[in-house]
C-alpha atoms as a PDB file:
ATOM      1  CA  MET A   1       0.299  -0.086  -0.448  1.00  0.00           C
ATOM      2  CA  ASN A   2       1.254   3.684  -1.154  1.00  0.00           C
ATOM      3  CA  PRO A   3       2.618   5.443   2.196  1.00  0.00           C
ATOM      4  CA  TYR A   4       0.648   8.624   1.959  1.00  0.00           C
ATOM      5  CA  ILE A   5      -2.592   6.209   1.930  1.00  0.00           C
ATOM      6  CA  LEU A   6      -1.507   4.113   4.444  1.00  0.00           C
ATOM      7  CA  SER A   7      -0.923   7.547   6.467  1.00  0.00           C
ATOM      8  CA  THR A   8      -4.175   8.865   5.907  1.00  0.00           C
ATOM      9  CA  LEU A   9      -6.280   5.772   6.601  1.00  0.00           C
ATOM     10  CA  LEU A  10      -4.384   5.403   9.760  1.00  0.00           C
ATOM     11  CA  LEU A  11      -4.755   8.937  10.866  1.00  0.00           C
ATOM     12  CA  SER A  12      -8.661   8.664  10.061  1.00  0.00           C
ATOM     13  CA  LEU A  13      -8.812   5.823  12.617  1.00  0.00           C
ATOM     14  CA  GLY A  14      -7.153   8.479  15.154  1.00  0.00           C
ATOM     15  CA  LEU A  15      -9.387  11.217  14.402  1.00  0.00           C
ATOM     16  CA  GLY A  16     -12.414   8.395  14.469  1.00  0.00           C
ATOM     17  CA  THR A  17     -11.803   7.480  17.895  1.00  0.00           C
ATOM     18  CA  THR A  18     -10.644  10.802  19.044  1.00  0.00           C
ATOM     19  CA  LEU A  19     -13.784  12.523  17.826  1.00  0.00           C
ATOM     20  CA  THR A  20     -15.924   9.841  19.806  1.00  0.00           C
ATOM     21  CA  PHE A  21     -13.686  10.149  22.734  1.00  0.00           C
ATOM     22  CA  ALA A  22     -14.630  13.880  22.723  1.00  0.00           C
ATOM     23  CA  SER A  23     -18.256  14.316  22.125  1.00  0.00           C
ATOM     24  CA  TYR A  24     -20.673  14.621  24.589  1.00  0.00           C
ATOM     25  CA  ASN A  25     -23.543  14.682  21.808  1.00  0.00           C
ATOM     26  CA  TRP A  26     -24.699  11.117  19.684  1.00  0.00           C
ATOM     27  CA  LEU A  27     -24.697  12.578  16.472  1.00  0.00           C
ATOM     28  CA  LEU A  28     -20.931  13.768  16.702  1.00  0.00           C
ATOM     29  CA  ALA A  29     -20.178   9.848  18.625  1.00  0.00           C
ATOM     30  CA  TRP A  30     -21.446   8.364  15.765  1.00  0.00           C
ATOM     31  CA  MET A  31     -19.963  10.240  13.222  1.00  0.00           C
ATOM     32  CA  GLY A  32     -16.273   9.207  15.258  1.00  0.00           C
ATOM     33  CA  LEU A  33     -17.558   5.749  14.915  1.00  0.00           C
ATOM     34  CA  GLU A  34     -17.967   6.068  11.100  1.00  0.00           C
ATOM     35  CA  ILE A  35     -14.981   7.672  10.062  1.00  0.00           C
ATOM     36  CA  ASN A  36     -13.353   4.997  12.481  1.00  0.00           C
ATOM     37  CA  THR A  37     -15.191   2.477  10.473  1.00  0.00           C
ATOM     38  CA  LEU A  38     -14.646   3.569   6.517  1.00  0.00           C
ATOM     39  CA  ALA A  39     -11.145   4.195   7.727  1.00  0.00           C
ATOM     40  CA  ILE A  40     -10.119   0.495   8.649  1.00  0.00           C
ATOM     41  CA  ILE A  41     -12.222  -1.321   5.835  1.00  0.00           C
ATOM     42  CA  PRO A  42      -9.209  -0.559   3.213  1.00  0.00           C
ATOM     43  CA  LEU A  43      -7.154  -1.784   5.563  1.00  0.00           C
ATOM     44  CA  MET A  44      -8.791  -4.904   5.680  1.00  0.00           C
ATOM     45  CA  ALA A  45      -9.316  -5.075   2.063  1.00  0.00           C
ATOM     46  CA  HIS A  46      -6.049  -4.212   0.540  1.00  0.00           C
ATOM     47  CA  HIS A  47      -4.710  -7.906   0.171  1.00  0.00           C
ATOM     48  CA  HIS A  48      -7.012  -8.516  -2.403  1.00  0.00           C
ATOM     49  CA  HIS A  49      -7.280 -12.426  -1.168  1.00  0.00           C
ATOM     50  CA  PRO A  50     -11.023 -13.649  -0.990  1.00  0.00           C
ATOM     51  CA  ARG A  51     -10.988 -14.174   2.204  1.00  0.00           C
ATOM     52  CA  ALA A  52      -9.800 -10.707   3.042  1.00  0.00           C
ATOM     53  CA  ILE A  53     -12.338  -9.683   0.566  1.00  0.00           C
ATOM     54  CA  GLU A  54     -14.704 -11.629   2.367  1.00  0.00           C
ATOM     55  CA  ALA A  55     -13.989 -10.850   5.963  1.00  0.00           C
ATOM     56  CA  THR A  56     -14.146  -7.147   5.190  1.00  0.00           C
ATOM     57  CA  THR A  57     -17.698  -7.522   3.647  1.00  0.00           C
ATOM     58  CA  LYS A  58     -18.701  -9.322   6.909  1.00  0.00           C
ATOM     59  CA  TYR A  59     -17.515  -6.778   8.892  1.00  0.00           C
ATOM     60  CA  PHE A  60     -18.664  -3.838   6.866  1.00  0.00           C
ATOM     61  CA  LEU A  61     -22.153  -4.895   7.403  1.00  0.00           C
ATOM     62  CA  THR A  62     -22.179  -5.809  10.876  1.00  0.00           C
ATOM     63  CA  GLN A  63     -20.397  -2.362  11.795  1.00  0.00           C
ATOM     64  CA  ALA A  64     -23.384  -0.475   9.111  1.00  0.00           C
ATOM     65  CA  THR A  65     -25.961  -2.144  10.860  1.00  0.00           C
ATOM     66  CA  ALA A  66     -24.618  -1.438  14.381  1.00  0.00           C
ATOM     67  CA  ALA A  67     -24.344   2.304  13.312  1.00  0.00           C
ATOM     68  CA  ALA A  68     -27.661   2.155  12.310  1.00  0.00           C
ATOM     69  CA  THR A  69     -29.284   0.937  15.073  1.00  0.00           C
ATOM     70  CA  LEU A  70     -27.303   3.713  17.229  1.00  0.00           C
ATOM     71  CA  ILE A  71     -28.035   6.691  15.350  1.00  0.00           C
ATOM     72  CA  PHE A  72     -32.061   5.078  15.427  1.00  0.00           C
ATOM     73  CA  ALA A  73     -31.356   4.905  19.172  1.00  0.00           C
ATOM     74  CA  ALA A  74     -30.249   8.609  19.579  1.00  0.00           C
ATOM     75  CA  ILE A  75     -33.079   9.946  17.592  1.00  0.00           C
ATOM     76  CA  THR A  76     -35.445   8.168  19.666  1.00  0.00           C
ATOM     77  CA  ASN A  77     -34.036   9.155  22.785  1.00  0.00           C
ATOM     78  CA  ALA A  78     -34.499  13.357  20.982  1.00  0.00           C
ATOM     79  CA  TRP A  79     -37.444  12.607  20.354  1.00  0.00           C
ATOM     80  CA  LEU A  80     -38.706  11.232  23.579  1.00  0.00           C
ATOM     81  CA  GLU A  81     -36.239  13.363  25.762  1.00  0.00           C
ATOM     82  CA  GLY A  82     -35.569  16.283  23.776  1.00  0.00           C
ATOM     83  CA  GLN A  83     -31.754  16.415  24.013  1.00  0.00           C
ATOM     84  CA  TRP A  84     -28.980  14.873  22.152  1.00  0.00           C
ATOM     85  CA  ASP A  85     -26.220  13.992  25.339  1.00  0.00           C
ATOM     86  CA  ILE A  86     -24.641  10.920  25.735  1.00  0.00           C
ATOM     87  CA  SER A  87     -24.654  10.846  29.494  1.00  0.00           C
ATOM     88  CA  GLN A  88     -28.420  12.176  29.857  1.00  0.00           C
ATOM     89  CA  MET A  89     -29.965   9.110  28.188  1.00  0.00           C
ATOM     90  CA  SER A  90     -32.338   7.904  30.753  1.00  0.00           C
ATOM     91  CA  HIS A  91     -35.395   6.407  28.807  1.00  0.00           C
ATOM     92  CA  PRO A  92     -34.754   2.180  29.076  1.00  0.00           C
ATOM     93  CA  LEU A  93     -36.067   2.218  25.286  1.00  0.00           C
ATOM     94  CA  PRO A  94     -33.394   3.776  23.828  1.00  0.00           C
ATOM     95  CA  ASN A  95     -30.850   2.909  26.721  1.00  0.00           C
ATOM     96  CA  THR A  96     -31.390  -0.889  25.447  1.00  0.00           C
ATOM     97  CA  ILE A  97     -30.902  -0.395  22.380  1.00  0.00           C
ATOM     98  CA  VAL A  98     -28.135   1.511  22.258  1.00  0.00           C
ATOM     99  CA  ILE A  99     -26.313  -0.987  24.543  1.00  0.00           C
ATOM    100  CA  MET A 100     -27.070  -3.854  22.226  1.00  0.00           C
ATOM    101  CA  ALA A 101     -25.770  -1.693  19.019  1.00  0.00           C
ATOM    102  CA  LEU A 102     -22.344  -1.040  20.574  1.00  0.00           C
ATOM    103  CA  ALA A 103     -22.216  -4.650  21.835  1.00  0.00           C
ATOM    104  CA  LEU A 104     -22.896  -5.461  18.455  1.00  0.00           C
ATOM    105  CA  LYS A 105     -20.088  -3.298  17.099  1.00  0.00           C
ATOM    106  CA  ILE A 106     -17.546  -4.454  20.032  1.00  0.00           C
ATOM    107  CA  GLY A 107     -18.338  -7.893  19.976  1.00  0.00           C
ATOM    108  CA  LEU A 108     -20.362  -9.035  22.924  1.00  0.00           C
ATOM    109  CA  ALA A 109     -22.252 -12.311  23.071  1.00  0.00           C
ATOM    110  CA  PRO A 110     -24.434 -13.310  21.693  1.00  0.00           C
ATOM    111  CA  LEU A 111     -24.147 -10.975  18.972  1.00  0.00           C
ATOM    112  CA  HIS A 112     -19.987 -12.014  18.497  1.00  0.00           C
ATOM    113  CA  SER A 113     -20.540 -14.308  15.531  1.00  0.00           C
ATOM    114  CA  TRP A 114     -19.181 -11.935  13.299  1.00  0.00           C
ATOM    115  CA  LEU A 115     -16.059 -11.800  15.119  1.00  0.00           C
ATOM    116  CA  PRO A 116     -14.256 -15.236  14.809  1.00  0.00           C
ATOM    117  CA  GLU A 117     -15.178 -15.073  11.085  1.00  0.00           C
ATOM    118  CA  VAL A 118     -13.978 -11.283  10.633  1.00  0.00           C
ATOM    119  CA  LEU A 119     -10.682 -12.143  12.165  1.00  0.00           C
ATOM    120  CA  GLN A 120      -9.618 -15.418  10.621  1.00  0.00           C
ATOM    121  CA  GLY A 121      -9.931 -13.836   6.984  1.00  0.00           C
ATOM    122  CA  LEU A 122      -7.391 -10.747   8.012  1.00  0.00           C
ATOM    123  CA  ASN A 123      -3.472 -10.814   8.266  1.00  0.00           C
ATOM    124  CA  LEU A 124      -1.903 -10.492  11.987  1.00  0.00           C
ATOM    125  CA  THR A 125      -1.545  -7.069  11.883  1.00  0.00           C
ATOM    126  CA  THR A 126      -5.031  -5.694  10.813  1.00  0.00           C
ATOM    127  CA  ALA A 127      -6.341  -8.689  13.247  1.00  0.00           C
ATOM    128  CA  LEU A 128      -4.417  -6.773  16.128  1.00  0.00           C
ATOM    129  CA  LEU A 129      -5.699  -3.364  14.841  1.00  0.00           C
ATOM    130  CA  LEU A 130      -9.519  -4.957  15.037  1.00  0.00           C
ATOM    131  CA  SER A 131      -9.217  -6.537  18.332  1.00  0.00           C
ATOM    132  CA  THR A 132      -7.574  -3.798  20.283  1.00  0.00           C
ATOM    133  CA  TRP A 133      -8.035   0.273  18.958  1.00  0.00           C
ATOM    134  CA  GLN A 134     -11.305  -0.382  17.096  1.00  0.00           C
ATOM    135  CA  LYS A 135     -12.867  -1.797  21.167  1.00  0.00           C
ATOM    136  CA  LEU A 136     -11.651   1.867  22.317  1.00  0.00           C
ATOM    137  CA  ALA A 137     -14.457   4.375  21.104  1.00  0.00           C
ATOM    138  CA  PRO A 138     -17.605   1.866  21.544  1.00  0.00           C
ATOM    139  CA  PHE A 139     -16.298   1.292  25.231  1.00  0.00           C
ATOM    140  CA  ALA A 140     -15.713   5.182  25.493  1.00  0.00           C
ATOM    141  CA  LEU A 141     -19.580   5.224  24.613  1.00  0.00           C
ATOM    142  CA  LEU A 142     -20.283   2.423  26.750  1.00  0.00           C
ATOM    143  CA  LEU A 143     -18.622   3.980  29.965  1.00  0.00           C
ATOM    144  CA  GLN A 144     -20.542   7.549  29.635  1.00  0.00           C
ATOM    145  CA  ILE A 145     -23.805   5.338  29.553  1.00  0.00           C
ATOM    146  CA  GLN A 146     -25.998   4.310  32.642  1.00  0.00           C
ATOM    147  CA  PRO A 147     -27.896   1.666  32.302  1.00  0.00           C
ATOM    148  CA  THR A 148     -31.411   1.570  33.184  1.00  0.00           C
ATOM    149  CA  SER A 149     -31.815  -2.270  33.630  1.00  0.00           C
ATOM    150  CA  PRO A 150     -29.128  -3.762  36.185  1.00  0.00           C
ATOM    151  CA  TYR A 151     -29.551  -6.838  34.766  1.00  0.00           C
ATOM    152  CA  LEU A 152     -28.633  -6.433  30.885  1.00  0.00           C
ATOM    153  CA  MET A 153     -25.251  -5.733  31.423  1.00  0.00           C
ATOM    154  CA  THR A 154     -24.735  -8.859  33.447  1.00  0.00           C
ATOM    155  CA  ILE A 155     -26.460 -10.933  31.209  1.00  0.00           C
ATOM    156  CA  LEU A 156     -24.476  -9.663  28.227  1.00  0.00           C
ATOM    157  CA  GLY A 157     -21.207 -10.328  30.368  1.00  0.00           C
ATOM    158  CA  LEU A 158     -22.126 -13.731  31.472  1.00  0.00           C
ATOM    159  CA  THR A 159     -22.779 -15.151  28.373  1.00  0.00           C
ATOM    160  CA  SER A 160     -19.436 -13.417  26.771  1.00  0.00           C
ATOM    161  CA  THR A 161     -17.247 -15.179  29.659  1.00  0.00           C
ATOM    162  CA  LEU A 162     -19.515 -18.529  28.825  1.00  0.00           C
ATOM    163  CA  VAL A 163     -19.116 -18.268  25.212  1.00  0.00           C
ATOM    164  CA  GLY A 164     -15.760 -17.012  24.773  1.00  0.00           C
ATOM    165  CA  GLY A 165     -14.618 -20.043  26.902  1.00  0.00           C
ATOM    166  CA  TRP A 166     -16.603 -22.694  25.133  1.00  0.00           C
ATOM    167  CA  GLY A 167     -16.190 -21.421  21.856  1.00  0.00           C
ATOM    168  CA  GLY A 168     -12.420 -21.196  21.845  1.00  0.00           C
ATOM    169  CA  LEU A 169     -12.345 -25.045  22.638  1.00  0.00           C
ATOM    170  CA  ASN A 170     -12.373 -26.862  19.727  1.00  0.00           C
ATOM    171  CA  GLN A 171     -10.423 -24.141  17.512  1.00  0.00           C
ATOM    172  CA  THR A 172      -7.242 -24.799  16.105  1.00  0.00           C
ATOM    173  CA  GLN A 173      -6.896 -21.269  13.740  1.00  0.00           C
ATOM    174  CA  LEU A 174      -4.881 -18.883  16.314  1.00  0.00           C
ATOM    175  CA  ARG A 175      -6.968 -15.904  15.092  1.00  0.00           C
ATOM    176  CA  LYS A 176      -9.989 -17.492  15.886  1.00  0.00           C
ATOM    177  CA  ILE A 177      -8.668 -18.224  19.482  1.00  0.00           C
ATOM    178  CA  MET A 178      -8.210 -14.629  19.668  1.00  0.00           C
ATOM    179  CA  ALA A 179     -11.284 -13.736  18.940  1.00  0.00           C
ATOM    180  CA  TYR A 180     -13.042 -15.657  21.027  1.00  0.00           C
ATOM    181  CA  SER A 181     -10.554 -14.537  23.826  1.00  0.00           C
ATOM    182  CA  SER A 182     -11.415 -11.081  22.991  1.00  0.00           C
ATOM    183  CA  VAL A 183     -15.550 -12.137  23.661  1.00  0.00           C
ATOM    184  CA  ALA A 184     -14.395 -13.603  26.854  1.00  0.00           C
ATOM    185  CA  HIS A 185     -12.447 -10.220  27.953  1.00  0.00           C
ATOM    186  CA  LEU A 186     -15.042  -8.089  27.181  1.00  0.00           C
ATOM    187  CA  GLY A 187     -17.468  -9.951  29.196  1.00  0.00           C
ATOM    188  CA  TRP A 188     -15.550  -9.491  32.314  1.00  0.00           C
ATOM    189  CA  MET A 189     -15.306  -5.869  31.724  1.00  0.00           C
ATOM    190  CA  VAL A 190     -18.943  -5.278  30.909  1.00  0.00           C
ATOM    191  CA  LEU A 191     -19.557  -7.438  34.174  1.00  0.00           C
ATOM    192  CA  VAL A 192     -18.197  -4.927  36.383  1.00  0.00           C
ATOM    193  CA  LEU A 193     -19.016  -1.566  34.036  1.00  0.00           C
ATOM    194  CA  GLN A 194     -22.005  -0.574  36.023  1.00  0.00           C
ATOM    195  CA  PHE A 195     -20.707  -0.828  39.392  1.00  0.00           C
ATOM    196  CA  SER A 196     -17.089   0.415  38.940  1.00  0.00           C
ATOM    197  CA  PRO A 197     -16.084   2.392  35.739  1.00  0.00           C
ATOM    198  CA  SER A 198     -12.825   2.248  36.732  1.00  0.00           C
ATOM    199  CA  LEU A 199     -11.892  -1.656  37.073  1.00  0.00           C
ATOM    200  CA  THR A 200     -13.164  -1.902  33.266  1.00  0.00           C
ATOM    201  CA  SER A 201     -10.832   0.482  32.178  1.00  0.00           C
ATOM    202  CA  LEU A 202      -8.032  -1.392  34.318  1.00  0.00           C
ATOM    203  CA  ALA A 203      -9.538  -4.788  32.225  1.00  0.00           C
ATOM    204  CA  LEU A 204      -9.638  -3.196  29.125  1.00  0.00           C
ATOM    205  CA  ILE A 205      -6.018  -1.823  29.534  1.00  0.00           C
ATOM    206  CA  SER A 206      -4.540  -4.840  30.708  1.00  0.00           C
ATOM    207  CA  TYR A 207      -6.706  -6.848  27.851  1.00  0.00           C
ATOM    208  CA  LEU A 208      -5.071  -4.163  25.243  1.00  0.00           C
ATOM    209  CA  VAL A 209      -1.461  -5.159  26.556  1.00  0.00           C
ATOM    210  CA  MET A 210      -1.945  -8.516  26.387  1.00  0.00           C
ATOM    211  CA  THR A 211      -3.856  -8.995  23.139  1.00  0.00           C
ATOM    212  CA  THR A 212      -0.855  -6.837  21.579  1.00  0.00           C
ATOM    213  CA  ALA A 213       2.168  -8.830  23.181  1.00  0.00           C
ATOM    214  CA  THR A 214       0.156 -12.224  21.788  1.00  0.00           C
ATOM    215  CA  PHE A 215      -0.714 -10.926  18.278  1.00  0.00           C
ATOM    216  CA  LEU A 216       2.993  -9.261  17.796  1.00  0.00           C
ATOM    217  CA  MET A 217       4.496 -12.757  18.733  1.00  0.00           C
ATOM    218  CA  LEU A 218       2.299 -14.476  16.334  1.00  0.00           C
ATOM    219  CA  ASN A 219       3.428 -12.146  13.823  1.00  0.00           C
ATOM    220  CA  HIS A 220       6.962 -12.592  14.786  1.00  0.00           C
ATOM    221  CA  ASN A 221       6.781 -16.262  13.999  1.00  0.00           C
ATOM    222  CA  GLN A 222       4.327 -15.953  10.901  1.00  0.00           C
ATOM    223  CA  ALA A 223       1.941 -18.604  12.937  1.00  0.00           C
ATOM    224  CA  THR A 224      -1.371 -18.509  11.706  1.00  0.00           C
ATOM    225  CA  ASN A 225      -2.740 -22.475  13.190  1.00  0.00           C
ATOM    226  CA  ILE A 226      -1.767 -24.118  16.518  1.00  0.00           C
ATOM    227  CA  ASN A 227       0.892 -26.878  14.595  1.00  0.00           C
ATOM    228  CA  SER A 228       3.059 -23.915  12.911  1.00  0.00           C
ATOM    229  CA  LEU A 229       3.913 -22.947  16.338  1.00  0.00           C
ATOM    230  CA  ALA A 230       5.902 -26.400  16.426  1.00  0.00           C
ATOM    231  CA  LEU A 231       8.911 -24.577  14.800  1.00  0.00           C
ATOM    232  CA  SER A 232       9.135 -21.716  16.919  1.00  0.00           C
ATOM    233  CA  TRP A 233      11.946 -22.512  19.183  1.00  0.00           C
ATOM    234  CA  ALA A 234      13.983 -22.275  15.830  1.00  0.00           C
ATOM    235  CA  LYS A 235      12.734 -18.793  14.473  1.00  0.00           C
ATOM    236  CA  THR A 236      12.472 -17.338  18.037  1.00  0.00           C
ATOM    237  CA  PRO A 237      14.056 -19.324  20.845  1.00  0.00           C
ATOM    238  CA  ALA A 238      14.025 -16.577  23.564  1.00  0.00           C
ATOM    239  CA  LEU A 239      10.362 -15.559  22.082  1.00  0.00           C
ATOM    240  CA  THR A 240       9.415 -19.226  23.072  1.00  0.00           C
ATOM    241  CA  CYS A 241      10.165 -19.178  26.609  1.00  0.00           C
ATOM    242  CA  ILE A 242       8.384 -15.837  27.083  1.00  0.00           C
ATOM    243  CA  ALA A 243       5.236 -16.609  24.969  1.00  0.00           C
ATOM    244  CA  PRO A 244       3.684 -19.282  27.243  1.00  0.00           C
ATOM    245  CA  LEU A 245       4.059 -16.849  29.754  1.00  0.00           C
ATOM    246  CA  THR A 246       2.282 -13.966  27.743  1.00  0.00           C
ATOM    247  CA  LEU A 247      -0.586 -16.426  26.806  1.00  0.00           C
ATOM    248  CA  LEU A 248      -1.347 -17.488  30.417  1.00  0.00           C
ATOM    249  CA  SER A 249      -1.363 -14.253  31.445  1.00  0.00           C
ATOM    250  CA  LEU A 250      -4.266 -13.776  29.205  1.00  0.00           C
ATOM    251  CA  GLY A 251      -5.878 -16.465  31.170  1.00  0.00           C
ATOM    252  CA  GLY A 252      -5.590 -14.963  34.314  1.00  0.00           C
ATOM    253  CA  LEU A 253      -3.091 -17.046  36.494  1.00  0.00           C
ATOM    254  CA  PRO A 254      -1.187 -15.594  39.235  1.00  0.00           C
ATOM    255  CA  PRO A 255       1.160 -14.223  39.424  1.00  0.00           C
ATOM    256  CA  LEU A 256       1.168 -12.367  36.012  1.00  0.00           C
ATOM    257  CA  THR A 257      -0.321  -9.174  34.677  1.00  0.00           C
ATOM    258  CA  GLY A 258      -3.558 -11.185  33.532  1.00  0.00           C
ATOM    259  CA  PHE A 259      -4.991 -12.069  37.379  1.00  0.00           C
ATOM    260  CA  MET A 260      -5.039  -8.162  38.071  1.00  0.00           C
ATOM    261  CA  PRO A 261      -8.527  -7.746  36.525  1.00  0.00           C
ATOM    262  CA  LYS A 262      -9.842 -10.777  37.160  1.00  0.00           C
ATOM    263  CA  TRP A 263      -8.808 -10.707  40.909  1.00  0.00           C
ATOM    264  CA  THR A 264     -10.245  -7.101  41.131  1.00  0.00           C
ATOM    265  CA  ILE A 265     -13.283  -7.609  39.504  1.00  0.00           C
ATOM    266  CA  ILE A 266     -14.124 -10.635  41.266  1.00  0.00           C
ATOM    267  CA  LEU A 267     -13.801  -8.468  44.250  1.00  0.00           C
ATOM    268  CA  GLU A 268     -16.178  -6.089  43.647  1.00  0.00           C
ATOM    269  CA  LEU A 269     -18.817  -8.672  42.425  1.00  0.00           C
ATOM    270  CA  SER A 270     -18.620 -10.030  45.658  1.00  0.00           C
ATOM    271  CA  ASN A 271     -18.641  -6.849  47.854  1.00  0.00           C
ATOM    272  CA  GLN A 272     -21.989  -6.111  45.593  1.00  0.00           C
ATOM    273  CA  GLY A 273     -23.633  -9.160  46.421  1.00  0.00           C
ATOM    274  CA  LEU A 274     -23.028 -10.850  43.286  1.00  0.00           C
ATOM    275  CA  ALA A 275     -21.503 -13.932  44.386  1.00  0.00           C
ATOM    276  CA  THR A 276     -22.762 -16.346  42.089  1.00  0.00           C
ATOM    277  CA  THR A 277     -22.082 -14.271  38.965  1.00  0.00           C
ATOM    278  CA  ALA A 278     -18.625 -13.949  40.215  1.00  0.00           C
ATOM    279  CA  THR A 279     -18.290 -17.606  40.644  1.00  0.00           C
ATOM    280  CA  ILE A 280     -19.329 -18.413  37.393  1.00  0.00           C
ATOM    281  CA  ALA A 281     -17.021 -15.949  35.624  1.00  0.00           C
ATOM    282  CA  ALA A 282     -14.450 -17.156  37.512  1.00  0.00           C
ATOM    283  CA  LEU A 283     -15.538 -20.889  36.271  1.00  0.00           C
ATOM    284  CA  SER A 284     -15.566 -19.664  32.753  1.00  0.00           C
ATOM    285  CA  ALA A 285     -12.108 -18.595  33.055  1.00  0.00           C
ATOM    286  CA  LEU A 286     -11.169 -22.287  33.317  1.00  0.00           C
ATOM    287  CA  LEU A 287     -13.002 -22.618  29.832  1.00  0.00           C
ATOM    288  CA  SER A 288     -10.257 -20.143  28.419  1.00  0.00           C
ATOM    289  CA  LEU A 289      -7.279 -21.393  29.965  1.00  0.00           C
ATOM    290  CA  TYR A 290      -8.228 -24.590  28.497  1.00  0.00           C
ATOM    291  CA  PHE A 291      -7.150 -23.237  24.938  1.00  0.00           C
ATOM    292  CA  TYR A 292      -4.138 -21.026  26.139  1.00  0.00           C
ATOM    293  CA  LEU A 293      -2.603 -23.905  27.524  1.00  0.00           C
ATOM    294  CA  ARG A 294      -3.161 -25.723  24.300  1.00  0.00           C
ATOM    295  CA  VAL A 295      -1.180 -22.908  22.531  1.00  0.00           C
ATOM    296  CA  SER A 296       1.469 -23.028  25.236  1.00  0.00           C
ATOM    297  CA  TYR A 297       1.649 -26.725  24.978  1.00  0.00           C
ATOM    298  CA  ALA A 298       2.214 -26.276  21.404  1.00  0.00           C
ATOM    299  CA  ILE A 299       5.187 -23.498  21.792  1.00  0.00           C
ATOM    300  CA  THR A 300       7.060 -25.295  24.365  1.00  0.00           C
ATOM    301  CA  LEU A 301       6.515 -28.906  24.622  1.00  0.00           C
ATOM    302  CA  THR A 302       6.127 -29.868  20.726  1.00  0.00           C
ATOM    303  CA  ILE A 303       9.360 -30.203  18.549  1.00  0.00           C
ATOM    304  CA  SER A 304       9.250 -30.754  14.832  1.00  0.00           C
ATOM    305  CA  THR A 305      11.708 -33.196  13.495  1.00  0.00           C
ATOM    306  CA  ASN A 306      15.441 -31.935  13.363  1.00  0.00           C
ATOM    307  CA  THR A 307      15.874 -31.406   9.906  1.00  0.00           C
ATOM    308  CA  THR A 308      17.458 -29.076   7.934  1.00  0.00           C
ATOM    309  CA  MET A 309      14.705 -27.124   7.245  1.00  0.00           C
ATOM    310  CA  GLY A 310      14.146 -26.947  10.854  1.00  0.00           C
ATOM    311  CA  THR A 311      16.991 -26.071  11.708  1.00  0.00           C
ATOM    312  CA  ALA A 312      17.634 -23.294   9.111  1.00  0.00           C
ATOM    313  CA  PRO A 313      16.053 -20.312  10.680  1.00  0.00           C
ATOM    314  CA  TRP A 314      18.870 -20.208  13.155  1.00  0.00           C
ATOM    315  CA  ARG A 315      20.449 -19.237  10.325  1.00  0.00           C
ATOM    316  CA  ALA A 316      18.533 -16.668   9.148  1.00  0.00           C
ATOM    317  CA  LYS A 317      19.266 -13.534  10.037  1.00  0.00           C
ATOM    318  CA  ASN A 318      16.060 -11.613  11.760  1.00  0.00           C
ATOM    319  CA  THR A 319      15.202  -8.194  10.530  1.00  0.00           C
ATOM    320  CA  GLN A 320      11.875  -7.519  12.013  1.00  0.00           C
ATOM    321  CA  THR A 321      11.788  -4.679  14.787  1.00  0.00           C
ATOM    322  CA  THR A 322      11.461  -6.130  18.264  1.00  0.00           C
ATOM    323  CA  LEU A 323      11.059  -3.418  20.710  1.00  0.00           C
ATOM    324  CA  PRO A 324       7.200  -3.213  20.689  1.00  0.00           C
ATOM    325  CA  LEU A 325       6.824  -6.727  21.229  1.00  0.00           C
ATOM    326  CA  ALA A 326       9.770  -6.717  24.088  1.00  0.00           C
ATOM    327  CA  LEU A 327       7.806  -3.654  25.818  1.00  0.00           C
ATOM    328  CA  ALA A 328       4.065  -5.634  25.560  1.00  0.00           C
ATOM    329  CA  SER A 329       5.668  -8.922  26.346  1.00  0.00           C
ATOM    330  CA  THR A 330       7.205  -7.461  29.641  1.00  0.00           C
ATOM    331  CA  MET A 331       3.833  -5.533  30.542  1.00  0.00           C
ATOM    332  CA  ALA A 332       1.944  -8.852  29.920  1.00  0.00           C
ATOM    333  CA  ILE A 333       4.152 -10.536  32.418  1.00  0.00           C
ATOM    334  CA  CYS A 334       5.124  -8.150  34.791  1.00  0.00           C
ATOM    335  CA  LEU A 335       2.668  -5.244  36.248  1.00  0.00           C
ATOM    336  CA  LEU A 336       0.796  -7.233  39.180  1.00  0.00           C
ATOM    337  CA  PRO A 337       2.797  -5.927  41.822  1.00  0.00           C
ATOM    338  CA  LEU A 338       1.642  -2.359  40.390  1.00  0.00           C
ATOM    339  CA  THR A 339      -1.926  -3.202  41.159  1.00  0.00           C
ATOM    340  CA  PRO A 340      -2.432  -0.140  43.662  1.00  0.00           C
ATOM    341  CA  GLY A 341      -0.592   2.450  42.011  1.00  0.00           C
ATOM    342  CA  ILE A 342      -2.426   1.606  38.784  1.00  0.00           C
ATOM    343  CA  MET A 343      -6.048   1.353  40.465  1.00  0.00           C
ATOM    344  CA  ALA A 344      -5.027   4.784  42.635  1.00  0.00           C
ATOM    345  CA  LEU A 345      -4.297   6.350  39.268  1.00  0.00           C
ATOM    346  CA  LEU A 346      -7.018   4.834  37.228  1.00  0.00           C
ATOM    347  CA  SER A 347      -9.785   6.358  40.242  1.00  0.00           C
ATOM    348  CA  LEU A 348      -8.324  10.039  39.988  1.00  0.00           C
END
């Protein structure tokens, strides 16, 4: 892709997200989401592969449906309440419609079925953008909405954690595994959204760091399925040691970074008298942990036959940039001791 076109598209992505962040009016927020969607469409389709075109079409139709539903809810709210403010949506009908539209945009279950299919058709770099940056603008809107029904967010969150766990069990494609991982993590964020927005922000930041580290690791190895990870020891021996820790951090095992949001969310749910909800969410994390362990096993304990082709990557000079991968991996593994400081920073 032409560097000028690429720069324009990336700047448009940033502009759309920033516009949604800064807006207090539903119309401006909707415009930001649309700029965001239209900017990433060419990035998804620029490989001209049939799978990429199919994934782009599915993504466009899904996002167009969500955007139309969102503007319909905003207009309905303006008709009922006489104002367009995001934080003042108090009528239950437009409030519920907006939450469902944003759930469709970010891929919350049961509106998640487009996400694995879309990610599977993209290259790993664009899949990373879709799994991280594209979640920010809809989440900024979700954080500003006060749900009129306390049960809607809980149902969406529990459904997402369970579907994200069950859906990834039988997957062998790494991008689909990361899609179901995204669904499960989003469920944790939504569960605690109405009780503590700062904890939701903590979970979102942790998810962004861990997902970035995982996608950069997969991209470094050029791996798209579990079997292809068996050669990672020959390509990147140091990364082979770090990758399982990053994946287990995604699963939420202590003493890794991923334990921090799950631990604090379970504490908050228990304090709110939702011990059953917290227990179900914690058990659903075991489902996700299973497929992270499968990938970790493929990286560390499965070694391909020691042929000339298998050892050739040792001799090839690696020219990929590793600084972002090193930073993201370190943060994905080592941030748990800083939990009190991070919590205090987010509570300001």
